[in-house]
Amino acid sequence: MKILLSSHLKIRLKERKIPRNYPNKILFNPDVRFVDAVTNYKIAVKDLEYNSKIRSMVVVYDIIGLEIRVITIHPISNKEIANKLKRGRWVKNEKN
């Protein structure tokens, strides 16, 4: 599969000072995966070092044909993840 990085993602990497290899690390070896019930985007989450702390990092992506389009990346708290699951916004996904 071909990986495409959105311009939005590139901006976020720079603004948030996130290492450029994090999207691939998260995408190909996540701790957990979800699907966003509203957008149908895929969500991958992995604990990584960010700002001198271990943080859960989210990569939002879409699969279109033989391409993985990585949309954005950001840190997220366990409480935010729990809220998204509780509200039904995110659904656990073990497939993609």
PDB file of N, CA and C in Angstrom:
ATOM      1  N   MET A   1       0.835  -1.189   0.000  1.00  0.00           N
ATOM      2  CA  MET A   1       0.000   0.000   0.000  1.00  0.00           C
ATOM      3  C   MET A   1       0.879   1.251   0.000  1.00  0.00           C
ATOM      4  N   LYS A   2       0.408   2.253  -0.677  1.00  0.00           N
ATOM      5  CA  LYS A   2       1.106   3.530  -0.737  1.00  0.00           C
ATOM      6  C   LYS A   2       0.591   4.433   0.395  1.00  0.00           C
ATOM      7  N   ILE A   3       1.499   5.112   1.069  1.00  0.00           N
ATOM      8  CA  ILE A   3       1.151   6.021   2.165  1.00  0.00           C
ATOM      9  C   ILE A   3       1.224   7.456   1.657  1.00  0.00           C
ATOM     10  N   LEU A   4       0.124   8.195   1.814  1.00  0.00           N
ATOM     11  CA  LEU A   4       0.081   9.609   1.443  1.00  0.00           C
ATOM     12  C   LEU A   4      -0.116  10.439   2.706  1.00  0.00           C
ATOM     13  N   LEU A   5       0.725  11.435   2.901  1.00  0.00           N
ATOM     14  CA  LEU A   5       0.606  12.331   4.052  1.00  0.00           C
ATOM     15  C   LEU A   5      -0.089  13.611   3.609  1.00  0.00           C
ATOM     16  N   SER A   6      -1.183  13.947   4.257  1.00  0.00           N
ATOM     17  CA  SER A   6      -1.919  15.160   3.898  1.00  0.00           C
ATOM     18  C   SER A   6      -1.113  16.400   4.268  1.00  0.00           C
ATOM     19  N   SER A   7      -1.408  17.500   3.601  1.00  0.00           N
ATOM     20  CA  SER A   7      -0.735  18.758   3.941  1.00  0.00           C
ATOM     21  C   SER A   7      -1.086  19.159   5.375  1.00  0.00           C
ATOM     22  N   HIS A   8      -2.310  18.864   5.807  1.00  0.00           N
ATOM     23  CA  HIS A   8      -2.729  19.145   7.181  1.00  0.00           C
ATOM     24  C   HIS A   8      -1.831  18.394   8.166  1.00  0.00           C
ATOM     25  N   LEU A   9      -1.564  17.127   7.898  1.00  0.00           N
ATOM     26  CA  LEU A   9      -0.703  16.334   8.765  1.00  0.00           C
ATOM     27  C   LEU A   9       0.696  16.933   8.839  1.00  0.00           C
ATOM     28  N   LYS A  10       1.242  17.316   7.712  1.00  0.00           N
ATOM     29  CA  LYS A  10       2.593  17.895   7.683  1.00  0.00           C
ATOM     30  C   LYS A  10       2.669  19.163   8.525  1.00  0.00           C
ATOM     31  N   ILE A  11       1.632  19.978   8.448  1.00  0.00           N
ATOM     32  CA  ILE A  11       1.570  21.199   9.267  1.00  0.00           C
ATOM     33  C   ILE A  11       1.514  20.841  10.751  1.00  0.00           C
ATOM     34  N   ARG A  12       0.674  19.864  11.101  1.00  0.00           N
ATOM     35  CA  ARG A  12       0.525  19.468  12.504  1.00  0.00           C
ATOM     36  C   ARG A  12       1.825  18.879  13.067  1.00  0.00           C
ATOM     37  N   LEU A  13       2.533  18.102  12.266  1.00  0.00           N
ATOM     38  CA  LEU A  13       3.816  17.560  12.719  1.00  0.00           C
ATOM     39  C   LEU A  13       4.770  18.691  13.097  1.00  0.00           C
ATOM     40  N   LYS A  14       4.813  19.690  12.244  1.00  0.00           N
ATOM     41  CA  LYS A  14       5.717  20.824  12.483  1.00  0.00           C
ATOM     42  C   LYS A  14       5.244  21.668  13.678  1.00  0.00           C
ATOM     43  N   GLU A  15       3.954  22.038  13.698  1.00  0.00           N
ATOM     44  CA  GLU A  15       3.418  22.883  14.773  1.00  0.00           C
ATOM     45  C   GLU A  15       3.553  22.227  16.145  1.00  0.00           C
ATOM     46  N   ARG A  16       3.267  20.929  16.193  1.00  0.00           N
ATOM     47  CA  ARG A  16       3.270  20.220  17.480  1.00  0.00           C
ATOM     48  C   ARG A  16       4.627  19.604  17.814  1.00  0.00           C
ATOM     49  N   LYS A  17       5.597  19.802  16.903  1.00  0.00           N
ATOM     50  CA  LYS A  17       6.948  19.252  17.096  1.00  0.00           C
ATOM     51  C   LYS A  17       6.897  17.747  17.354  1.00  0.00           C
ATOM     52  N   ILE A  18       6.163  17.059  16.500  1.00  0.00           N
ATOM     53  CA  ILE A  18       6.033  15.603  16.558  1.00  0.00           C
ATOM     54  C   ILE A  18       7.035  15.007  15.574  1.00  0.00           C
ATOM     55  N   PRO A  19       7.804  14.010  15.994  1.00  0.00           N
ATOM     56  CA  PRO A  19       8.761  13.387  15.076  1.00  0.00           C
ATOM     57  C   PRO A  19       8.082  12.876  13.806  1.00  0.00           C
ATOM     58  N   ARG A  20       8.749  13.057  12.668  1.00  0.00           N
ATOM     59  CA  ARG A  20       8.178  12.691  11.362  1.00  0.00           C
ATOM     60  C   ARG A  20       7.929  11.192  11.200  1.00  0.00           C
ATOM     61  N   ASN A  21       8.600  10.361  11.997  1.00  0.00           N
ATOM     62  CA  ASN A  21       8.389   8.927  11.870  1.00  0.00           C
ATOM     63  C   ASN A  21       7.207   8.414  12.708  1.00  0.00           C
ATOM     64  N   TYR A  22       6.613   9.257  13.527  1.00  0.00           N
ATOM     65  CA  TYR A  22       5.504   8.831  14.379  1.00  0.00           C
ATOM     66  C   TYR A  22       4.270   8.353  13.607  1.00  0.00           C
ATOM     67  N   PRO A  23       3.851   9.013  12.529  1.00  0.00           N
ATOM     68  CA  PRO A  23       2.672   8.494  11.824  1.00  0.00           C
ATOM     69  C   PRO A  23       2.836   7.027  11.397  1.00  0.00           C
ATOM     70  N   ASN A  24       3.988   6.674  10.849  1.00  0.00           N
ATOM     71  CA  ASN A  24       4.212   5.280  10.442  1.00  0.00           C
ATOM     72  C   ASN A  24       4.283   4.348  11.639  1.00  0.00           C
ATOM     73  N   LYS A  25       4.966   4.775  12.719  1.00  0.00           N
ATOM     74  CA  LYS A  25       5.044   3.950  13.927  1.00  0.00           C
ATOM     75  C   LYS A  25       3.656   3.630  14.462  1.00  0.00           C
ATOM     76  N   ILE A  26       2.806   4.640  14.499  1.00  0.00           N
ATOM     77  CA  ILE A  26       1.456   4.469  15.040  1.00  0.00           C
ATOM     78  C   ILE A  26       0.601   3.650  14.082  1.00  0.00           C
ATOM     79  N   LEU A  27       0.670   3.966  12.818  1.00  0.00           N
ATOM     80  CA  LEU A  27      -0.142   3.302  11.804  1.00  0.00           C
ATOM     81  C   LEU A  27       0.140   1.814  11.707  1.00  0.00           C
ATOM     82  N   PHE A  28       1.414   1.431  11.719  1.00  0.00           N
ATOM     83  CA  PHE A  28       1.782   0.042  11.480  1.00  0.00           C
ATOM     84  C   PHE A  28       1.954  -0.799  12.744  1.00  0.00           C
ATOM     85  N   ASN A  29       1.941  -0.165  13.912  1.00  0.00           N
ATOM     86  CA  ASN A  29       2.062  -0.920  15.156  1.00  0.00           C
ATOM     87  C   ASN A  29       1.272  -0.248  16.280  1.00  0.00           C
ATOM     88  N   PRO A  30      -0.031  -0.068  16.081  1.00  0.00           N
ATOM     89  CA  PRO A  30      -0.828   0.630  17.099  1.00  0.00           C
ATOM     90  C   PRO A  30      -1.093  -0.252  18.315  1.00  0.00           C
ATOM     91  N   ASP A  31      -1.387   0.399  19.427  1.00  0.00           N
ATOM     92  CA  ASP A  31      -1.827  -0.326  20.618  1.00  0.00           C
ATOM     93  C   ASP A  31      -3.294  -0.707  20.472  1.00  0.00           C
ATOM     94  N   VAL A  32      -4.050   0.144  19.796  1.00  0.00           N
ATOM     95  CA  VAL A  32      -5.489  -0.090  19.600  1.00  0.00           C
ATOM     96  C   VAL A  32      -5.954   0.657  18.359  1.00  0.00           C
ATOM     97  N   ARG A  33      -7.014   0.141  17.736  1.00  0.00           N
ATOM     98  CA  ARG A  33      -7.596   0.780  16.550  1.00  0.00           C
ATOM     99  C   ARG A  33      -9.095   1.022  16.775  1.00  0.00           C
ATOM    100  N   PHE A  34      -9.576   2.107  16.173  1.00  0.00           N
ATOM    101  CA  PHE A  34     -10.989   2.449  16.242  1.00  0.00           C
ATOM    102  C   PHE A  34     -11.460   2.885  14.867  1.00  0.00           C
ATOM    103  N   VAL A  35     -12.774   2.986  14.719  1.00  0.00           N
ATOM    104  CA  VAL A  35     -13.376   3.623  13.545  1.00  0.00           C
ATOM    105  C   VAL A  35     -14.224   4.764  14.067  1.00  0.00           C
ATOM    106  N   ASP A  36     -14.126   5.929  13.439  1.00  0.00           N
ATOM    107  CA  ASP A  36     -14.955   7.074  13.799  1.00  0.00           C
ATOM    108  C   ASP A  36     -16.333   6.844  13.181  1.00  0.00           C
ATOM    109  N   ALA A  37     -17.361   6.744  14.013  1.00  0.00           N
ATOM    110  CA  ALA A  37     -18.712   6.429  13.549  1.00  0.00           C
ATOM    111  C   ALA A  37     -19.323   7.539  12.707  1.00  0.00           C
ATOM    112  N   VAL A  38     -18.827   8.766  12.815  1.00  0.00           N
ATOM    113  CA  VAL A  38     -19.377   9.889  12.057  1.00  0.00           C
ATOM    114  C   VAL A  38     -18.688  10.033  10.699  1.00  0.00           C
ATOM    115  N   THR A  39     -17.366  10.023  10.704  1.00  0.00           N
ATOM    116  CA  THR A  39     -16.611  10.253   9.462  1.00  0.00           C
ATOM    117  C   THR A  39     -16.223   8.964   8.748  1.00  0.00           C
ATOM    118  N   ASN A  40     -16.282   7.847   9.464  1.00  0.00           N
ATOM    119  CA  ASN A  40     -15.833   6.538   8.984  1.00  0.00           C
ATOM    120  C   ASN A  40     -14.316   6.477   8.786  1.00  0.00           C
ATOM    121  N   TYR A  41     -13.585   7.469   9.289  1.00  0.00           N
ATOM    122  CA  TYR A  41     -12.131   7.420   9.248  1.00  0.00           C
ATOM    123  C   TYR A  41     -11.642   6.357  10.226  1.00  0.00           C
ATOM    124  N   LYS A  42     -10.467   5.840   9.952  1.00  0.00           N
ATOM    125  CA  LYS A  42      -9.820   4.887  10.840  1.00  0.00           C
ATOM    126  C   LYS A  42      -8.971   5.676  11.831  1.00  0.00           C
ATOM    127  N   ILE A  43      -8.849   5.129  13.041  1.00  0.00           N
ATOM    128  CA  ILE A  43      -8.098   5.772  14.111  1.00  0.00           C
ATOM    129  C   ILE A  43      -7.112   4.743  14.656  1.00  0.00           C
ATOM    130  N   ALA A  44      -5.846   5.104  14.744  1.00  0.00           N
ATOM    131  CA  ALA A  44      -4.833   4.252  15.371  1.00  0.00           C
ATOM    132  C   ALA A  44      -4.248   5.019  16.545  1.00  0.00           C
ATOM    133  N   VAL A  45      -4.070   4.330  17.676  1.00  0.00           N
ATOM    134  CA  VAL A  45      -3.568   4.971  18.895  1.00  0.00           C
ATOM    135  C   VAL A  45      -2.377   4.170  19.412  1.00  0.00           C
ATOM    136  N   LYS A  46      -1.331   4.882  19.788  1.00  0.00           N
ATOM    137  CA  LYS A  46      -0.140   4.240  20.351  1.00  0.00           C
ATOM    138  C   LYS A  46       0.478   5.162  21.389  1.00  0.00           C
ATOM    139  N   ASP A  47       0.952   4.564  22.471  1.00  0.00           N
ATOM    140  CA  ASP A  47       1.673   5.326  23.499  1.00  0.00           C
ATOM    141  C   ASP A  47       3.111   5.535  23.050  1.00  0.00           C
ATOM    142  N   LEU A  48       3.520   6.801  22.966  1.00  0.00           N
ATOM    143  CA  LEU A  48       4.870   7.180  22.554  1.00  0.00           C
ATOM    144  C   LEU A  48       5.342   8.361  23.387  1.00  0.00           C
ATOM    145  N   GLU A  49       6.631   8.606  23.363  1.00  0.00           N
ATOM    146  CA  GLU A  49       7.159   9.765  24.080  1.00  0.00           C
ATOM    147  C   GLU A  49       6.829  11.039  23.305  1.00  0.00           C
ATOM    148  N   TYR A  50       6.260  11.999  24.012  1.00  0.00           N
ATOM    149  CA  TYR A  50       5.919  13.295  23.420  1.00  0.00           C
ATOM    150  C   TYR A  50       6.069  14.344  24.515  1.00  0.00           C
ATOM    151  N   ASN A  51       6.855  15.358  24.260  1.00  0.00           N
ATOM    152  CA  ASN A  51       7.140  16.412  25.253  1.00  0.00           C
ATOM    153  C   ASN A  51       7.632  15.824  26.578  1.00  0.00           C
ATOM    154  N   SER A  52       8.560  14.895  26.470  1.00  0.00           N
ATOM    155  CA  SER A  52       9.224  14.266  27.624  1.00  0.00           C
ATOM    156  C   SER A  52       8.300  13.430  28.504  1.00  0.00           C
ATOM    157  N   LYS A  53       7.144  13.028  27.977  1.00  0.00           N
ATOM    158  CA  LYS A  53       6.223  12.164  28.703  1.00  0.00           C
ATOM    159  C   LYS A  53       5.712  11.088  27.742  1.00  0.00           C
ATOM    160  N   ILE A  54       5.282   9.972  28.294  1.00  0.00           N
ATOM    161  CA  ILE A  54       4.619   8.961  27.466  1.00  0.00           C
ATOM    162  C   ILE A  54       3.162   9.391  27.326  1.00  0.00           C
ATOM    163  N   ARG A  55       2.739   9.576  26.087  1.00  0.00           N
ATOM    164  CA  ARG A  55       1.372  10.044  25.796  1.00  0.00           C
ATOM    165  C   ARG A  55       0.743   9.132  24.754  1.00  0.00           C
ATOM    166  N   SER A  56      -0.558   9.013  24.803  1.00  0.00           N
ATOM    167  CA  SER A  56      -1.278   8.335  23.729  1.00  0.00           C
ATOM    168  C   SER A  56      -1.318   9.292  22.547  1.00  0.00           C
ATOM    169  N   MET A  57      -0.897   8.793  21.397  1.00  0.00           N
ATOM    170  CA  MET A  57      -0.879   9.591  20.176  1.00  0.00           C
ATOM    171  C   MET A  57      -1.859   8.960  19.182  1.00  0.00           C
ATOM    172  N   VAL A  58      -2.630   9.821  18.524  1.00  0.00           N
ATOM    173  CA  VAL A  58      -3.660   9.396  17.574  1.00  0.00           C
ATOM    174  C   VAL A  58      -3.235   9.738  16.159  1.00  0.00           C
ATOM    175  N   VAL A  59      -3.436   8.780  15.264  1.00  0.00           N
ATOM    176  CA  VAL A  59      -3.318   9.042  13.834  1.00  0.00           C
ATOM    177  C   VAL A  59      -4.685   8.750  13.228  1.00  0.00           C
ATOM    178  N   VAL A  60      -5.197   9.718  12.485  1.00  0.00           N
ATOM    179  CA  VAL A  60      -6.471   9.567  11.772  1.00  0.00           C
ATOM    180  C   VAL A  60      -6.124   9.342  10.310  1.00  0.00           C
ATOM    181  N   TYR A  61      -6.724   8.294   9.725  1.00  0.00           N
ATOM    182  CA  TYR A  61      -6.393   7.963   8.346  1.00  0.00           C
ATOM    183  C   TYR A  61      -7.596   7.370   7.622  1.00  0.00           C
ATOM    184  N   ASP A  62      -7.462   7.281   6.315  1.00  0.00           N
ATOM    185  CA  ASP A  62      -8.501   6.694   5.481  1.00  0.00           C
ATOM    186  C   ASP A  62      -7.819   5.761   4.490  1.00  0.00           C
ATOM    187  N   ILE A  63      -8.496   4.715   4.119  1.00  0.00           N
ATOM    188  CA  ILE A  63      -7.982   3.800   3.107  1.00  0.00           C
ATOM    189  C   ILE A  63      -8.833   3.962   1.865  1.00  0.00           C
ATOM    190  N   ILE A  64      -8.180   4.358   0.778  1.00  0.00           N
ATOM    191  CA  ILE A  64      -8.865   4.576  -0.496  1.00  0.00           C
ATOM    192  C   ILE A  64      -8.141   3.737  -1.543  1.00  0.00           C
ATOM    193  N   GLY A  65      -8.775   2.672  -1.961  1.00  0.00           N
ATOM    194  CA  GLY A  65      -8.136   1.765  -2.914  1.00  0.00           C
ATOM    195  C   GLY A  65      -6.889   1.168  -2.300  1.00  0.00           C
ATOM    196  N   LEU A  66      -5.757   1.381  -2.939  1.00  0.00           N
ATOM    197  CA  LEU A  66      -4.481   0.860  -2.453  1.00  0.00           C
ATOM    198  C   LEU A  66      -3.650   1.929  -1.753  1.00  0.00           C
ATOM    199  N   GLU A  67      -4.309   3.008  -1.333  1.00  0.00           N
ATOM    200  CA  GLU A  67      -3.614   4.108  -0.654  1.00  0.00           C
ATOM    201  C   GLU A  67      -4.123   4.282   0.767  1.00  0.00           C
ATOM    202  N   ILE A  68      -3.187   4.570   1.653  1.00  0.00           N
ATOM    203  CA  ILE A  68      -3.539   4.979   3.016  1.00  0.00           C
ATOM    204  C   ILE A  68      -3.277   6.466   3.077  1.00  0.00           C
ATOM    205  N   ARG A  69      -4.321   7.243   3.288  1.00  0.00           N
ATOM    206  CA  ARG A  69      -4.207   8.689   3.365  1.00  0.00           C
ATOM    207  C   ARG A  69      -4.208   9.100   4.840  1.00  0.00           C
ATOM    208  N   VAL A  70      -3.053   9.534   5.341  1.00  0.00           N
ATOM    209  CA  VAL A  70      -2.927   9.933   6.748  1.00  0.00           C
ATOM    210  C   VAL A  70      -3.361  11.394   6.851  1.00  0.00           C
ATOM    211  N   ILE A  71      -4.376  11.634   7.674  1.00  0.00           N
ATOM    212  CA  ILE A  71      -5.034  12.938   7.724  1.00  0.00           C
ATOM    213  C   ILE A  71      -4.456  13.847   8.802  1.00  0.00           C
ATOM    214  N   THR A  72      -4.301  13.316  10.023  1.00  0.00           N
ATOM    215  CA  THR A  72      -3.783  14.150  11.112  1.00  0.00           C
ATOM    216  C   THR A  72      -3.191  13.296  12.210  1.00  0.00           C
ATOM    217  N   ILE A  73      -2.518  13.947  13.130  1.00  0.00           N
ATOM    218  CA  ILE A  73      -1.907  13.298  14.289  1.00  0.00           C
ATOM    219  C   ILE A  73      -2.009  14.257  15.472  1.00  0.00           C
ATOM    220  N   HIS A  74      -2.264  13.708  16.656  1.00  0.00           N
ATOM    221  CA  HIS A  74      -2.289  14.553  17.853  1.00  0.00           C
ATOM    222  C   HIS A  74      -2.263  13.688  19.113  1.00  0.00           C
ATOM    223  N   PRO A  75      -1.808  14.273  20.229  1.00  0.00           N
ATOM    224  CA  PRO A  75      -1.879  13.556  21.502  1.00  0.00           C
ATOM    225  C   PRO A  75      -3.331  13.532  21.989  1.00  0.00           C
ATOM    226  N   ILE A  76      -3.652  12.521  22.794  1.00  0.00           N
ATOM    227  CA  ILE A  76      -5.002  12.409  23.337  1.00  0.00           C
ATOM    228  C   ILE A  76      -4.912  11.789  24.729  1.00  0.00           C
ATOM    229  N   SER A  77      -5.803  12.195  25.604  1.00  0.00           N
ATOM    230  CA  SER A  77      -5.811  11.633  26.956  1.00  0.00           C
ATOM    231  C   SER A  77      -6.681  10.374  26.988  1.00  0.00           C
ATOM    232  N   ASN A  78      -6.447   9.539  27.991  1.00  0.00           N
ATOM    233  CA  ASN A  78      -7.270   8.351  28.161  1.00  0.00           C
ATOM    234  C   ASN A  78      -8.726   8.733  28.419  1.00  0.00           C
ATOM    235  N   LYS A  79      -8.932   9.865  29.090  1.00  0.00           N
ATOM    236  CA  LYS A  79     -10.300  10.332  29.362  1.00  0.00           C
ATOM    237  C   LYS A  79     -11.012  10.705  28.060  1.00  0.00           C
ATOM    238  N   GLU A  80     -10.290  11.378  27.143  1.00  0.00           N
ATOM    239  CA  GLU A  80     -10.895  11.732  25.856  1.00  0.00           C
ATOM    240  C   GLU A  80     -11.262  10.480  25.056  1.00  0.00           C
ATOM    241  N   ILE A  81     -10.400   9.476  25.094  1.00  0.00           N
ATOM    242  CA  ILE A  81     -10.701   8.217  24.400  1.00  0.00           C
ATOM    243  C   ILE A  81     -11.938   7.572  25.013  1.00  0.00           C
ATOM    244  N   ALA A  82     -11.975   7.502  26.343  1.00  0.00           N
ATOM    245  CA  ALA A  82     -13.124   6.900  27.037  1.00  0.00           C
ATOM    246  C   ALA A  82     -14.419   7.633  26.694  1.00  0.00           C
ATOM    247  N   ASN A  83     -14.369   8.968  26.630  1.00  0.00           N
ATOM    248  CA  ASN A  83     -15.560   9.752  26.289  1.00  0.00           C
ATOM    249  C   ASN A  83     -16.034   9.454  24.869  1.00  0.00           C
ATOM    250  N   LYS A  84     -15.102   9.341  23.923  1.00  0.00           N
ATOM    251  CA  LYS A  84     -15.469   9.047  22.536  1.00  0.00           C
ATOM    252  C   LYS A  84     -16.104   7.664  22.430  1.00  0.00           C
ATOM    253  N   LEU A  85     -15.590   6.702  23.195  1.00  0.00           N
ATOM    254  CA  LEU A  85     -16.166   5.363  23.200  1.00  0.00           C
ATOM    255  C   LEU A  85     -17.542   5.355  23.858  1.00  0.00           C
ATOM    256  N   LYS A  86     -17.665   6.053  24.963  1.00  0.00           N
ATOM    257  CA  LYS A  86     -18.934   6.102  25.706  1.00  0.00           C
ATOM    258  C   LYS A  86     -20.049   6.739  24.872  1.00  0.00           C
ATOM    259  N   ARG A  87     -19.698   7.819  24.149  1.00  0.00           N
ATOM    260  CA  ARG A  87     -20.685   8.509  23.311  1.00  0.00           C
ATOM    261  C   ARG A  87     -20.970   7.759  22.008  1.00  0.00           C
ATOM    262  N   GLY A  88     -20.151   6.749  21.695  1.00  0.00           N
ATOM    263  CA  GLY A  88     -20.334   5.996  20.465  1.00  0.00           C
ATOM    264  C   GLY A  88     -19.677   6.630  19.256  1.00  0.00           C
ATOM    265  N   ARG A  89     -18.915   7.685  19.473  1.00  0.00           N
ATOM    266  CA  ARG A  89     -18.218   8.342  18.359  1.00  0.00           C
ATOM    267  C   ARG A  89     -17.156   7.419  17.773  1.00  0.00           C
ATOM    268  N   TRP A  90     -16.406   6.740  18.650  1.00  0.00           N
ATOM    269  CA  TRP A  90     -15.413   5.769  18.201  1.00  0.00           C
ATOM    270  C   TRP A  90     -15.892   4.371  18.568  1.00  0.00           C
ATOM    271  N   VAL A  91     -15.636   3.417  17.659  1.00  0.00           N
ATOM    272  CA  VAL A  91     -15.967   2.021  17.859  1.00  0.00           C
ATOM    273  C   VAL A  91     -14.679   1.225  17.686  1.00  0.00           C
ATOM    274  N   LYS A  92     -14.416   0.285  18.591  1.00  0.00           N
ATOM    275  CA  LYS A  92     -13.187  -0.496  18.505  1.00  0.00           C
ATOM    276  C   LYS A  92     -13.164  -1.269  17.189  1.00  0.00           C
ATOM    277  N   ASN A  93     -11.983  -1.308  16.561  1.00  0.00           N
ATOM    278  CA  ASN A  93     -11.815  -1.978  15.277  1.00  0.00           C
ATOM    279  C   ASN A  93     -10.529  -2.780  15.301  1.00  0.00           C
ATOM    280  N   GLU A  94     -10.628  -4.066  15.109  1.00  0.00           N
ATOM    281  CA  GLU A  94      -9.439  -4.932  15.107  1.00  0.00           C
ATOM    282  C   GLU A  94      -8.998  -5.280  13.689  1.00  0.00           C
ATOM    283  N   LYS A  95      -9.741  -4.846  12.660  1.00  0.00           N
ATOM    284  CA  LYS A  95      -9.447  -5.251  11.283  1.00  0.00           C
ATOM    285  C   LYS A  95      -8.343  -4.453  10.631  1.00  0.00           C
ATOM    286  N   ASN A  96      -8.534  -3.137  10.444  1.00  0.00           N
ATOM    287  CA  ASN A  96      -7.598  -2.315   9.634  1.00  0.00           C
ATOM    288  C   ASN A  96      -6.618  -1.631  10.532  1.00  0.00           C
TER     289      ASN A  96
END
